[in-house]
């Protein structure tokens, strides 16, 4: 129950962090590096419990999936728009 409460308390910050990282480093193909950045920050700030990291990693994946489905993140970048 303790991990659940921690993750729920962190959820707004996790969402803000995910969107900030996506804004700073837009585009597809960098998802694992972006997730690693969040996890490394958590570990470096003392949140290195394996159970906590595992839970937060799953939450990150869920949040990114939802934001992708909602169209918040672009999952592909057009190379060239012909005629523009």
N, C-alpha and C. Protein backbone atom coordinates (compact mmCIF):
# COMPACT_ATOMS: atom_id res chain seq x y z
N UNK A 1 0.82 -1.20 0.00
CA UNK A 1 0.00 0.00 0.00
C UNK A 1 0.86 1.25 0.00
N UNK A 2 2.04 1.19 0.64
CA UNK A 2 2.92 2.35 0.70
C UNK A 2 3.38 2.81 -0.67
N UNK A 3 3.76 1.86 -1.54
CA UNK A 3 4.21 2.21 -2.89
C UNK A 3 3.07 2.84 -3.68
N UNK A 4 1.86 2.30 -3.54
CA UNK A 4 0.70 2.85 -4.23
C UNK A 4 0.50 4.31 -3.87
N UNK A 5 0.55 4.63 -2.60
CA UNK A 5 0.36 6.02 -2.17
C UNK A 5 1.46 6.93 -2.70
N UNK A 6 2.68 6.45 -2.69
CA UNK A 6 3.80 7.24 -3.22
C UNK A 6 3.59 7.52 -4.70
N UNK A 7 3.25 6.47 -5.46
CA UNK A 7 3.06 6.63 -6.90
C UNK A 7 1.90 7.58 -7.19
N UNK A 8 0.80 7.45 -6.45
CA UNK A 8 -0.34 8.35 -6.66
C UNK A 8 0.01 9.79 -6.32
N UNK A 9 0.82 9.98 -5.30
CA UNK A 9 1.25 11.34 -4.95
C UNK A 9 2.19 11.91 -6.02
N UNK A 10 2.97 11.04 -6.62
CA UNK A 10 3.93 11.48 -7.64
C UNK A 10 3.30 11.63 -9.03
N UNK A 11 2.13 11.06 -9.24
CA UNK A 11 1.53 11.03 -10.57
C UNK A 11 1.46 12.39 -11.26
N UNK A 12 0.97 13.45 -10.62
CA UNK A 12 0.96 14.76 -11.30
C UNK A 12 2.37 15.21 -11.72
N UNK A 13 3.35 14.96 -10.87
CA UNK A 13 4.73 15.33 -11.21
C UNK A 13 5.28 14.48 -12.34
N UNK A 14 4.90 13.21 -12.34
CA UNK A 14 5.35 12.31 -13.41
C UNK A 14 4.78 12.79 -14.75
N UNK A 15 3.50 13.14 -14.77
CA UNK A 15 2.89 13.62 -16.01
C UNK A 15 3.55 14.92 -16.47
N UNK A 16 3.78 15.84 -15.57
CA UNK A 16 4.45 17.10 -15.92
C UNK A 16 5.85 16.85 -16.45
N UNK A 17 6.56 15.93 -15.82
CA UNK A 17 7.93 15.61 -16.24
C UNK A 17 7.93 14.99 -17.62
N UNK A 18 7.02 14.06 -17.87
CA UNK A 18 6.93 13.42 -19.19
C UNK A 18 6.67 14.45 -20.27
N UNK A 19 5.72 15.35 -20.04
CA UNK A 19 5.40 16.36 -21.06
C UNK A 19 6.54 17.35 -21.24
N UNK A 20 7.23 17.69 -20.17
CA UNK A 20 8.38 18.61 -20.29
C UNK A 20 9.52 17.97 -21.08
N UNK A 21 9.77 16.70 -20.83
CA UNK A 21 10.84 16.00 -21.57
C UNK A 21 10.46 15.86 -23.03
N UNK A 22 9.20 15.56 -23.30
CA UNK A 22 8.76 15.44 -24.69
C UNK A 22 8.87 16.78 -25.41
N UNK A 23 8.58 17.86 -24.71
CA UNK A 23 8.70 19.19 -25.30
C UNK A 23 10.17 19.52 -25.58
N UNK A 24 11.04 19.15 -24.66
CA UNK A 24 12.47 19.43 -24.83
C UNK A 24 13.12 18.55 -25.88
N UNK A 25 12.64 17.31 -26.00
CA UNK A 25 13.21 16.34 -26.93
C UNK A 25 12.09 15.69 -27.74
N UNK A 26 11.48 16.45 -28.67
CA UNK A 26 10.33 15.92 -29.40
C UNK A 26 10.74 14.84 -30.41
N UNK A 27 9.74 14.10 -30.81
CA UNK A 27 9.95 13.15 -31.88
C UNK A 27 9.96 11.71 -31.42
N UNK A 28 9.73 10.85 -32.39
CA UNK A 28 9.68 9.41 -32.10
C UNK A 28 11.07 8.80 -32.00
N UNK A 29 11.12 7.61 -31.42
CA UNK A 29 12.36 6.85 -31.38
C UNK A 29 13.24 7.13 -30.18
N UNK A 30 12.83 8.05 -29.33
CA UNK A 30 13.64 8.41 -28.16
C UNK A 30 12.97 8.01 -26.85
N UNK A 31 11.91 7.24 -26.94
CA UNK A 31 11.11 6.92 -25.76
C UNK A 31 11.89 6.28 -24.63
N UNK A 32 12.72 5.31 -24.94
CA UNK A 32 13.48 4.63 -23.88
C UNK A 32 14.47 5.58 -23.22
N UNK A 33 15.12 6.42 -24.01
CA UNK A 33 16.07 7.38 -23.44
C UNK A 33 15.35 8.39 -22.55
N UNK A 34 14.17 8.81 -22.97
CA UNK A 34 13.38 9.76 -22.17
C UNK A 34 12.94 9.11 -20.86
N UNK A 35 12.50 7.86 -20.94
CA UNK A 35 12.07 7.15 -19.73
C UNK A 35 13.27 6.92 -18.81
N UNK A 36 14.42 6.56 -19.38
CA UNK A 36 15.62 6.36 -18.57
C UNK A 36 16.01 7.65 -17.84
N UNK A 37 15.83 8.78 -18.49
CA UNK A 37 16.13 10.06 -17.85
C UNK A 37 15.29 10.26 -16.59
N UNK A 38 14.00 9.99 -16.70
CA UNK A 38 13.11 10.14 -15.54
C UNK A 38 13.52 9.18 -14.43
N UNK A 39 13.75 7.92 -14.79
CA UNK A 39 14.11 6.91 -13.80
C UNK A 39 15.44 7.26 -13.14
N UNK A 40 16.42 7.71 -13.92
CA UNK A 40 17.72 8.08 -13.35
C UNK A 40 17.61 9.24 -12.38
N UNK A 41 16.76 10.21 -12.70
CA UNK A 41 16.56 11.35 -11.80
C UNK A 41 15.96 10.86 -10.48
N UNK A 42 14.99 9.97 -10.58
CA UNK A 42 14.36 9.42 -9.36
C UNK A 42 15.39 8.66 -8.54
N UNK A 43 16.19 7.83 -9.19
CA UNK A 43 17.21 7.06 -8.48
C UNK A 43 18.24 7.99 -7.82
N UNK A 44 18.67 9.00 -8.55
CA UNK A 44 19.68 9.92 -8.03
C UNK A 44 19.16 10.77 -6.88
N UNK A 45 17.85 10.91 -6.79
CA UNK A 45 17.29 11.71 -5.70
C UNK A 45 16.84 10.85 -4.52
N UNK A 46 17.29 9.62 -4.49
CA UNK A 46 17.05 8.77 -3.33
C UNK A 46 15.89 7.81 -3.46
N UNK A 47 15.20 7.81 -4.57
CA UNK A 47 14.07 6.90 -4.75
C UNK A 47 14.49 5.64 -5.48
N UNK A 48 15.47 4.94 -4.92
CA UNK A 48 16.04 3.80 -5.64
C UNK A 48 15.49 2.44 -5.22
N UNK A 49 14.37 2.42 -4.53
CA UNK A 49 13.72 1.17 -4.18
C UNK A 49 13.31 0.45 -5.46
N UNK A 50 13.68 -0.82 -5.59
CA UNK A 50 13.36 -1.58 -6.80
C UNK A 50 11.85 -1.62 -7.05
N UNK A 51 11.09 -1.76 -5.98
CA UNK A 51 9.64 -1.81 -6.11
C UNK A 51 9.09 -0.47 -6.59
N UNK A 52 9.61 0.62 -6.05
CA UNK A 52 9.17 1.96 -6.46
C UNK A 52 9.54 2.21 -7.92
N UNK A 53 10.77 1.91 -8.30
CA UNK A 53 11.21 2.13 -9.67
C UNK A 53 10.38 1.29 -10.64
N UNK A 54 10.10 0.06 -10.28
CA UNK A 54 9.28 -0.80 -11.13
C UNK A 54 7.88 -0.21 -11.32
N UNK A 55 7.29 0.26 -10.25
CA UNK A 55 5.95 0.85 -10.32
C UNK A 55 5.95 2.12 -11.14
N UNK A 56 6.91 2.97 -10.92
CA UNK A 56 6.97 4.24 -11.66
C UNK A 56 7.23 3.98 -13.15
N UNK A 57 8.06 3.00 -13.46
CA UNK A 57 8.32 2.66 -14.86
C UNK A 57 7.02 2.24 -15.55
N UNK A 58 6.22 1.43 -14.88
CA UNK A 58 4.93 1.01 -15.45
C UNK A 58 3.98 2.19 -15.60
N UNK A 59 3.98 3.09 -14.62
CA UNK A 59 3.12 4.27 -14.69
C UNK A 59 3.55 5.16 -15.85
N UNK A 60 4.85 5.34 -16.05
CA UNK A 60 5.34 6.14 -17.17
C UNK A 60 4.84 5.55 -18.49
N UNK A 61 4.96 4.23 -18.64
CA UNK A 61 4.49 3.58 -19.86
C UNK A 61 2.99 3.81 -20.07
N UNK A 62 2.21 3.70 -19.00
CA UNK A 62 0.76 3.91 -19.10
C UNK A 62 0.43 5.35 -19.47
N UNK A 63 1.09 6.30 -18.84
CA UNK A 63 0.83 7.72 -19.11
C UNK A 63 1.18 8.05 -20.56
N UNK A 64 2.33 7.58 -21.02
CA UNK A 64 2.75 7.85 -22.40
C UNK A 64 1.76 7.22 -23.39
N UNK A 65 1.30 6.02 -23.10
CA UNK A 65 0.32 5.36 -23.97
C UNK A 65 -0.96 6.19 -24.06
N UNK A 66 -1.44 6.67 -22.94
CA UNK A 66 -2.66 7.48 -22.94
C UNK A 66 -2.43 8.80 -23.67
N UNK A 67 -1.31 9.46 -23.43
CA UNK A 67 -1.04 10.73 -24.10
C UNK A 67 -0.89 10.53 -25.61
N UNK A 68 -0.31 9.41 -26.03
CA UNK A 68 -0.23 9.09 -27.46
C UNK A 68 -1.62 8.89 -28.04
N UNK A 69 -2.48 8.12 -27.35
CA UNK A 69 -3.84 7.87 -27.84
C UNK A 69 -4.65 9.16 -27.92
N UNK A 70 -4.39 10.08 -27.01
CA UNK A 70 -5.11 11.36 -27.01
C UNK A 70 -4.55 12.34 -28.03
N UNK A 71 -3.43 11.99 -28.65
CA UNK A 71 -2.82 12.86 -29.65
C UNK A 71 -1.98 13.98 -29.06
N UNK A 72 -1.67 13.90 -27.77
CA UNK A 72 -0.85 14.93 -27.14
C UNK A 72 0.57 14.88 -27.70
N UNK A 73 1.08 13.67 -27.91
CA UNK A 73 2.41 13.51 -28.49
C UNK A 73 2.27 13.08 -29.94
N UNK A 74 3.18 13.56 -30.75
CA UNK A 74 3.24 13.13 -32.14
C UNK A 74 4.06 11.86 -32.18
N UNK A 75 3.50 10.79 -32.75
CA UNK A 75 4.24 9.53 -32.79
C UNK A 75 5.04 9.38 -34.08
N UNK A 76 4.83 10.29 -35.02
CA UNK A 76 5.65 10.28 -36.23
C UNK A 76 5.82 11.71 -36.70
N UNK A 77 6.91 11.95 -37.40
CA UNK A 77 7.22 13.27 -37.91
C UNK A 77 7.27 13.21 -39.43
N UNK A 78 6.46 14.02 -40.11
CA UNK A 78 6.52 13.99 -41.58
C UNK A 78 7.88 14.47 -42.06
N UNK A 79 8.43 13.79 -43.05
CA UNK A 79 9.74 14.15 -43.58
C UNK A 79 9.63 15.38 -44.46
N UNK A 80 8.63 15.39 -45.33
CA UNK A 80 8.49 16.50 -46.25
C UNK A 80 7.03 16.57 -46.67
N UNK A 81 6.49 17.77 -46.64
CA UNK A 81 5.14 17.97 -47.12
C UNK A 81 5.23 18.54 -48.53
N UNK A 82 4.84 17.75 -49.51
CA UNK A 82 4.93 18.15 -50.92
C UNK A 82 3.90 19.23 -51.20
N UNK A 83 4.33 20.26 -51.93
CA UNK A 83 3.43 21.31 -52.35
C UNK A 83 3.25 22.43 -51.32
N UNK A 84 4.05 22.43 -50.30
CA UNK A 84 3.92 23.50 -49.29
C UNK A 84 5.20 24.26 -49.18
